[in-house]
Amino acid sequence: WFSALRDIGSANGAEAKKAAIEQLIEVLVLLEDAFVKCSKGKPFFGGNQIGFLDIAFGSYLGWLRVTEKINEVKLLDEVKTPGLLKWAERFCADAAVKDVMPETDKLAKLRASAPPSS
């Protein structure tokens, strides 16, 4: 899923960017299904508490939000990824995470000032 996220930033032209966004949405829908199966109705991938999968995916939530902001698109939404949307809200609100989750605007500025990747 990370490569799909990265491809949006490196896409050249509107059509390529649109295709990369659609690809990421497809991957997120698959991840939604995995979340539903893994969580078994509980708040996090592994159950009632944040676990390894939550940390692995959650560490990219900031960049996912930056991608949404820059491209004016919702990648986690109530229709295609309702479980992940609620998971992201719970994850970011958790006491272990809320004080360390980077702000979207600060990350966007960091991204804008970074040299282009090759």
N, C-alpha and C. Protein backbone atom coordinates (compact mmCIF):
# COMPACT_ATOMS: atom_id res chain seq x y z
N TRP A 1 0.81 -1.18 0.00
CA TRP A 1 0.00 0.00 0.00
C TRP A 1 0.86 1.25 0.00
N PHE A 2 2.07 1.14 0.60
CA PHE A 2 2.93 2.31 0.64
C PHE A 2 3.37 2.72 -0.76
N SER A 3 3.69 1.75 -1.61
CA SER A 3 4.13 2.11 -2.96
C SER A 3 3.00 2.80 -3.72
N ALA A 4 1.75 2.39 -3.50
CA ALA A 4 0.62 3.06 -4.14
C ALA A 4 0.49 4.49 -3.65
N LEU A 5 0.73 4.72 -2.37
CA LEU A 5 0.70 6.08 -1.81
C LEU A 5 1.82 6.92 -2.40
N ARG A 6 3.01 6.33 -2.48
CA ARG A 6 4.18 7.04 -3.02
C ARG A 6 3.97 7.39 -4.50
N ASP A 7 3.33 6.49 -5.25
CA ASP A 7 3.13 6.72 -6.68
C ASP A 7 2.29 7.97 -6.97
N ILE A 8 1.43 8.35 -6.06
CA ILE A 8 0.63 9.56 -6.26
C ILE A 8 1.54 10.78 -6.32
N GLY A 9 2.49 10.84 -5.41
CA GLY A 9 3.41 11.98 -5.37
C GLY A 9 4.36 12.05 -6.54
N SER A 10 4.66 10.91 -7.14
CA SER A 10 5.60 10.91 -8.25
C SER A 10 4.93 10.85 -9.62
N ALA A 11 3.60 10.84 -9.64
CA ALA A 11 2.87 10.77 -10.92
C ALA A 11 3.06 12.06 -11.71
N ASN A 12 3.26 11.91 -13.02
CA ASN A 12 3.42 13.06 -13.91
C ASN A 12 2.14 13.26 -14.70
N GLY A 13 1.50 14.39 -14.50
CA GLY A 13 0.28 14.72 -15.23
C GLY A 13 -0.97 14.30 -14.49
N ALA A 14 -2.06 14.94 -14.85
CA ALA A 14 -3.33 14.73 -14.17
C ALA A 14 -3.86 13.31 -14.33
N GLU A 15 -3.73 12.75 -15.53
CA GLU A 15 -4.24 11.39 -15.76
C GLU A 15 -3.45 10.35 -14.95
N ALA A 16 -2.14 10.51 -14.91
CA ALA A 16 -1.31 9.58 -14.14
C ALA A 16 -1.62 9.70 -12.64
N LYS A 17 -1.83 10.92 -12.19
CA LYS A 17 -2.16 11.13 -10.78
C LYS A 17 -3.52 10.52 -10.45
N LYS A 18 -4.48 10.70 -11.33
CA LYS A 18 -5.81 10.13 -11.14
C LYS A 18 -5.74 8.60 -11.07
N ALA A 19 -4.96 8.00 -11.96
CA ALA A 19 -4.80 6.55 -11.97
C ALA A 19 -4.12 6.07 -10.69
N ALA A 20 -3.13 6.81 -10.22
CA ALA A 20 -2.43 6.44 -8.98
C ALA A 20 -3.37 6.53 -7.78
N ILE A 21 -4.23 7.55 -7.76
CA ILE A 21 -5.20 7.69 -6.68
C ILE A 21 -6.19 6.53 -6.71
N GLU A 22 -6.66 6.18 -7.89
CA GLU A 22 -7.59 5.05 -8.02
C GLU A 22 -6.94 3.75 -7.56
N GLN A 23 -5.66 3.58 -7.88
CA GLN A 23 -4.93 2.39 -7.45
C GLN A 23 -4.84 2.34 -5.92
N LEU A 24 -4.54 3.48 -5.31
CA LEU A 24 -4.45 3.51 -3.85
C LEU A 24 -5.81 3.21 -3.22
N ILE A 25 -6.86 3.74 -3.78
CA ILE A 25 -8.20 3.46 -3.24
C ILE A 25 -8.49 1.96 -3.33
N GLU A 26 -8.11 1.32 -4.41
CA GLU A 26 -8.30 -0.13 -4.54
C GLU A 26 -7.55 -0.87 -3.44
N VAL A 27 -6.33 -0.44 -3.17
CA VAL A 27 -5.51 -1.06 -2.12
C VAL A 27 -6.16 -0.83 -0.75
N LEU A 28 -6.67 0.37 -0.52
CA LEU A 28 -7.31 0.66 0.76
C LEU A 28 -8.59 -0.15 0.95
N VAL A 29 -9.30 -0.43 -0.11
CA VAL A 29 -10.49 -1.28 -0.01
C VAL A 29 -10.08 -2.69 0.40
N LEU A 30 -8.98 -3.18 -0.14
CA LEU A 30 -8.46 -4.49 0.28
C LEU A 30 -8.03 -4.46 1.75
N LEU A 31 -7.40 -3.36 2.15
CA LEU A 31 -6.98 -3.21 3.54
C LEU A 31 -8.20 -3.12 4.45
N GLU A 32 -9.27 -2.51 3.98
CA GLU A 32 -10.53 -2.45 4.73
C GLU A 32 -11.02 -3.87 5.02
N ASP A 33 -11.00 -4.70 4.00
CA ASP A 33 -11.43 -6.09 4.16
C ASP A 33 -10.54 -6.82 5.17
N ALA A 34 -9.23 -6.61 5.08
CA ALA A 34 -8.30 -7.22 6.03
C ALA A 34 -8.57 -6.73 7.45
N PHE A 35 -8.86 -5.44 7.59
CA PHE A 35 -9.16 -4.90 8.92
C PHE A 35 -10.40 -5.57 9.50
N VAL A 36 -11.45 -5.69 8.71
CA VAL A 36 -12.69 -6.31 9.19
C VAL A 36 -12.41 -7.74 9.64
N LYS A 37 -11.64 -8.49 8.86
CA LYS A 37 -11.35 -9.88 9.20
C LYS A 37 -10.43 -9.99 10.42
N CYS A 38 -9.40 -9.16 10.48
CA CYS A 38 -8.44 -9.24 11.58
C CYS A 38 -9.03 -8.75 12.90
N SER A 39 -9.76 -7.66 12.84
CA SER A 39 -10.26 -7.03 14.08
C SER A 39 -11.43 -7.79 14.68
N LYS A 40 -12.16 -8.51 13.85
CA LYS A 40 -13.33 -9.27 14.31
C LYS A 40 -14.28 -8.38 15.12
N GLY A 41 -14.50 -7.16 14.61
CA GLY A 41 -15.44 -6.24 15.25
C GLY A 41 -14.85 -5.42 16.39
N LYS A 42 -13.59 -5.60 16.68
CA LYS A 42 -12.95 -4.85 17.77
C LYS A 42 -12.31 -3.58 17.19
N PRO A 43 -11.87 -2.67 18.05
CA PRO A 43 -11.43 -1.35 17.58
C PRO A 43 -10.14 -1.32 16.76
N PHE A 44 -9.25 -2.30 16.97
CA PHE A 44 -7.95 -2.26 16.31
C PHE A 44 -7.69 -3.56 15.56
N PHE A 45 -6.69 -3.58 14.72
CA PHE A 45 -6.41 -4.76 13.91
C PHE A 45 -6.30 -6.02 14.76
N GLY A 46 -5.61 -5.93 15.89
CA GLY A 46 -5.40 -7.11 16.72
C GLY A 46 -6.38 -7.26 17.87
N GLY A 47 -7.33 -6.37 17.99
CA GLY A 47 -8.30 -6.51 19.08
C GLY A 47 -8.63 -5.19 19.75
N ASN A 48 -8.56 -5.20 21.07
CA ASN A 48 -9.00 -4.04 21.85
C ASN A 48 -7.91 -3.01 22.09
N GLN A 49 -6.67 -3.35 21.79
CA GLN A 49 -5.56 -2.42 22.01
C GLN A 49 -4.74 -2.29 20.75
N ILE A 50 -4.03 -1.19 20.64
CA ILE A 50 -3.13 -0.97 19.51
C ILE A 50 -2.06 -2.04 19.52
N GLY A 51 -1.84 -2.62 18.33
CA GLY A 51 -0.82 -3.65 18.17
C GLY A 51 0.12 -3.32 17.02
N PHE A 52 0.90 -4.31 16.61
CA PHE A 52 1.91 -4.09 15.58
C PHE A 52 1.33 -3.61 14.25
N LEU A 53 0.26 -4.23 13.79
CA LEU A 53 -0.34 -3.79 12.52
C LEU A 53 -0.88 -2.38 12.60
N ASP A 54 -1.45 -2.03 13.74
CA ASP A 54 -1.96 -0.67 13.92
C ASP A 54 -0.81 0.33 13.84
N ILE A 55 0.29 0.01 14.49
CA ILE A 55 1.45 0.91 14.47
C ILE A 55 2.02 1.01 13.07
N ALA A 56 2.13 -0.13 12.38
CA ALA A 56 2.70 -0.13 11.03
C ALA A 56 1.85 0.73 10.08
N PHE A 57 0.55 0.52 10.09
CA PHE A 57 -0.31 1.30 9.21
C PHE A 57 -0.47 2.73 9.73
N GLY A 58 -0.62 2.88 11.03
CA GLY A 58 -0.83 4.19 11.63
C GLY A 58 0.34 5.14 11.44
N SER A 59 1.55 4.60 11.28
CA SER A 59 2.71 5.47 11.09
C SER A 59 2.67 6.22 9.77
N TYR A 60 1.79 5.78 8.86
CA TYR A 60 1.65 6.46 7.57
C TYR A 60 0.38 7.30 7.48
N LEU A 61 -0.41 7.33 8.53
CA LEU A 61 -1.65 8.11 8.48
C LEU A 61 -1.40 9.59 8.21
N GLY A 62 -0.36 10.12 8.79
CA GLY A 62 -0.04 11.53 8.54
C GLY A 62 0.19 11.80 7.07
N TRP A 63 0.95 10.92 6.41
CA TRP A 63 1.23 11.10 4.99
C TRP A 63 -0.01 10.83 4.15
N LEU A 64 -0.85 9.93 4.59
CA LEU A 64 -2.11 9.70 3.89
C LEU A 64 -2.96 10.97 3.93
N ARG A 65 -2.99 11.62 5.06
CA ARG A 65 -3.76 12.86 5.20
C ARG A 65 -3.17 13.99 4.35
N VAL A 66 -1.85 14.04 4.28
CA VAL A 66 -1.19 15.04 3.42
C VAL A 66 -1.58 14.80 1.97
N THR A 67 -1.57 13.54 1.56
CA THR A 67 -1.95 13.18 0.19
C THR A 67 -3.39 13.60 -0.08
N GLU A 68 -4.27 13.37 0.88
CA GLU A 68 -5.67 13.80 0.73
C GLU A 68 -5.75 15.30 0.55
N LYS A 69 -5.03 16.01 1.39
CA LYS A 69 -5.08 17.49 1.36
C LYS A 69 -4.53 18.05 0.05
N ILE A 70 -3.37 17.59 -0.35
CA ILE A 70 -2.72 18.11 -1.55
C ILE A 70 -3.54 17.81 -2.80
N ASN A 71 -4.15 16.64 -2.84
CA ASN A 71 -4.88 16.20 -4.04
C ASN A 71 -6.38 16.43 -3.94
N GLU A 72 -6.81 17.02 -2.82
CA GLU A 72 -8.23 17.33 -2.60
C GLU A 72 -9.11 16.10 -2.86
N VAL A 73 -8.77 15.01 -2.18
CA VAL A 73 -9.48 13.74 -2.31
C VAL A 73 -9.58 13.08 -0.94
N LYS A 74 -10.66 12.35 -0.72
CA LYS A 74 -10.80 11.57 0.51
C LYS A 74 -10.42 10.14 0.18
N LEU A 75 -9.43 9.62 0.86
CA LEU A 75 -8.98 8.26 0.62
C LEU A 75 -9.62 7.28 1.61
N LEU A 76 -9.84 7.74 2.83
CA LEU A 76 -10.59 6.96 3.82
C LEU A 76 -11.95 7.63 3.94
N ASP A 77 -13.02 6.89 3.62
CA ASP A 77 -14.35 7.50 3.69
C ASP A 77 -15.39 6.51 4.17
N GLU A 78 -16.57 7.01 4.45
CA GLU A 78 -17.67 6.21 5.01
C GLU A 78 -18.20 5.16 4.03
N VAL A 79 -18.01 5.36 2.74
CA VAL A 79 -18.59 4.45 1.76
C VAL A 79 -17.66 3.26 1.48
N LYS A 80 -16.42 3.54 1.10
CA LYS A 80 -15.52 2.47 0.68
C LYS A 80 -14.68 1.88 1.82
N THR A 81 -14.37 2.70 2.81
CA THR A 81 -13.50 2.24 3.89
C THR A 81 -14.01 2.69 5.27
N PRO A 82 -15.25 2.36 5.60
CA PRO A 82 -15.81 2.85 6.87
C PRO A 82 -15.08 2.32 8.11
N GLY A 83 -14.65 1.09 8.06
CA GLY A 83 -13.92 0.52 9.20
C GLY A 83 -12.59 1.20 9.40
N LEU A 84 -11.86 1.41 8.31
CA LEU A 84 -10.56 2.08 8.42
C LEU A 84 -10.71 3.54 8.83
N LEU A 85 -11.75 4.18 8.37
CA LEU A 85 -11.99 5.57 8.76
C LEU A 85 -12.17 5.67 10.27
N LYS A 86 -13.01 4.82 10.81
CA LYS A 86 -13.24 4.83 12.27
C LYS A 86 -11.99 4.36 13.01
N TRP A 87 -11.29 3.37 12.45
CA TRP A 87 -10.04 2.91 13.06
C TRP A 87 -9.05 4.07 13.15
N ALA A 88 -8.90 4.84 12.07
CA ALA A 88 -7.96 5.96 12.05
C ALA A 88 -8.32 7.00 13.12
N GLU A 89 -9.60 7.26 13.28
CA GLU A 89 -10.04 8.20 14.31
C GLU A 89 -9.68 7.68 15.71
N ARG A 90 -9.95 6.39 15.95
CA ARG A 90 -9.63 5.78 17.26
C ARG A 90 -8.13 5.76 17.49
N PHE A 91 -7.39 5.38 16.46
CA PHE A 91 -5.94 5.30 16.56
C PHE A 91 -5.35 6.66 16.94
N CYS A 92 -5.74 7.68 16.22
CA CYS A 92 -5.19 9.02 16.45
C CYS A 92 -5.64 9.62 17.78
N ALA A 93 -6.77 9.18 18.31
CA ALA A 93 -7.28 9.70 19.57
C ALA A 93 -6.73 8.94 20.77
N ASP A 94 -6.09 7.80 20.55
CA ASP A 94 -5.57 6.99 21.64
C ASP A 94 -4.47 7.76 22.39
N ALA A 95 -4.44 7.59 23.71
CA ALA A 95 -3.48 8.31 24.54
C ALA A 95 -2.03 8.05 24.12
N ALA A 96 -1.75 6.85 23.61
CA ALA A 96 -0.39 6.52 23.20
C ALA A 96 0.02 7.21 21.90
N VAL A 97 -0.95 7.74 21.17
CA VAL A 97 -0.68 8.27 19.83
C VAL A 97 -0.94 9.76 19.72
N LYS A 98 -1.98 10.26 20.37
CA LYS A 98 -2.46 11.61 20.08
C LYS A 98 -1.41 12.71 20.23
N ASP A 99 -0.48 12.55 21.15
CA ASP A 99 0.51 13.60 21.35
C ASP A 99 1.71 13.50 20.40
N VAL A 100 1.79 12.40 19.65
CA VAL A 100 2.93 12.23 18.74
C VAL A 100 2.52 12.21 17.26
N MET A 101 1.23 12.20 16.99
CA MET A 101 0.78 12.21 15.59
C MET A 101 1.06 13.58 14.99
N PRO A 102 1.83 13.63 13.90
CA PRO A 102 2.17 14.93 13.31
C PRO A 102 0.95 15.61 12.70
N GLU A 103 0.96 16.93 12.74
CA GLU A 103 -0.12 17.72 12.16
C GLU A 103 0.00 17.70 10.63
N THR A 104 -1.14 17.59 9.99
CA THR A 104 -1.18 17.49 8.53
C THR A 104 -0.52 18.70 7.87
N ASP A 105 -0.81 19.90 8.33
CA ASP A 105 -0.25 21.11 7.71
C ASP A 105 1.28 21.15 7.82
N LYS A 106 1.81 20.73 8.96
CA LYS A 106 3.26 20.72 9.13
C LYS A 106 3.92 19.69 8.21
N LEU A 107 3.30 18.53 8.09
CA LEU A 107 3.83 17.52 7.17
C LEU A 107 3.75 17.99 5.73
N ALA A 108 2.67 18.66 5.37
CA ALA A 108 2.52 19.16 4.01
C ALA A 108 3.62 20.17 3.69
N LYS A 109 3.95 21.03 4.64
CA LYS A 109 5.04 22.01 4.44
C LYS A 109 6.37 21.29 4.31
N LEU A 110 6.57 20.24 5.12
CA LEU A 110 7.79 19.45 5.05
C LEU A 110 7.92 18.80 3.67
N ARG A 111 6.84 18.25 3.19
CA ARG A 111 6.82 17.61 1.87
C ARG A 111 7.12 18.62 0.77
N ALA A 112 6.54 19.80 0.89
CA ALA A 112 6.74 20.83 -0.13
C ALA A 112 8.19 21.32 -0.17
N SER A 113 8.87 21.28 0.96
CA SER A 113 10.25 21.77 1.00
C SER A 113 11.28 20.69 0.71
N ALA A 114 10.84 19.43 0.60
CA ALA A 114 11.77 18.32 0.34
C ALA A 114 12.19 18.32 -1.11
N PRO A 115 13.43 17.89 -1.37
CA PRO A 115 13.85 17.77 -2.78
C PRO A 115 13.06 16.66 -3.46
N PRO A 116 12.86 16.76 -4.76
CA PRO A 116 12.11 15.71 -5.47
C PRO A 116 12.79 14.37 -5.36
N SER A 117 12.00 13.32 -5.23
CA SER A 117 12.58 11.96 -5.17
C SER A 117 12.80 11.44 -6.57
N SER A 118 13.75 10.54 -6.68
CA SER A 118 14.03 9.98 -8.01
C SER A 118 13.44 8.62 -8.18
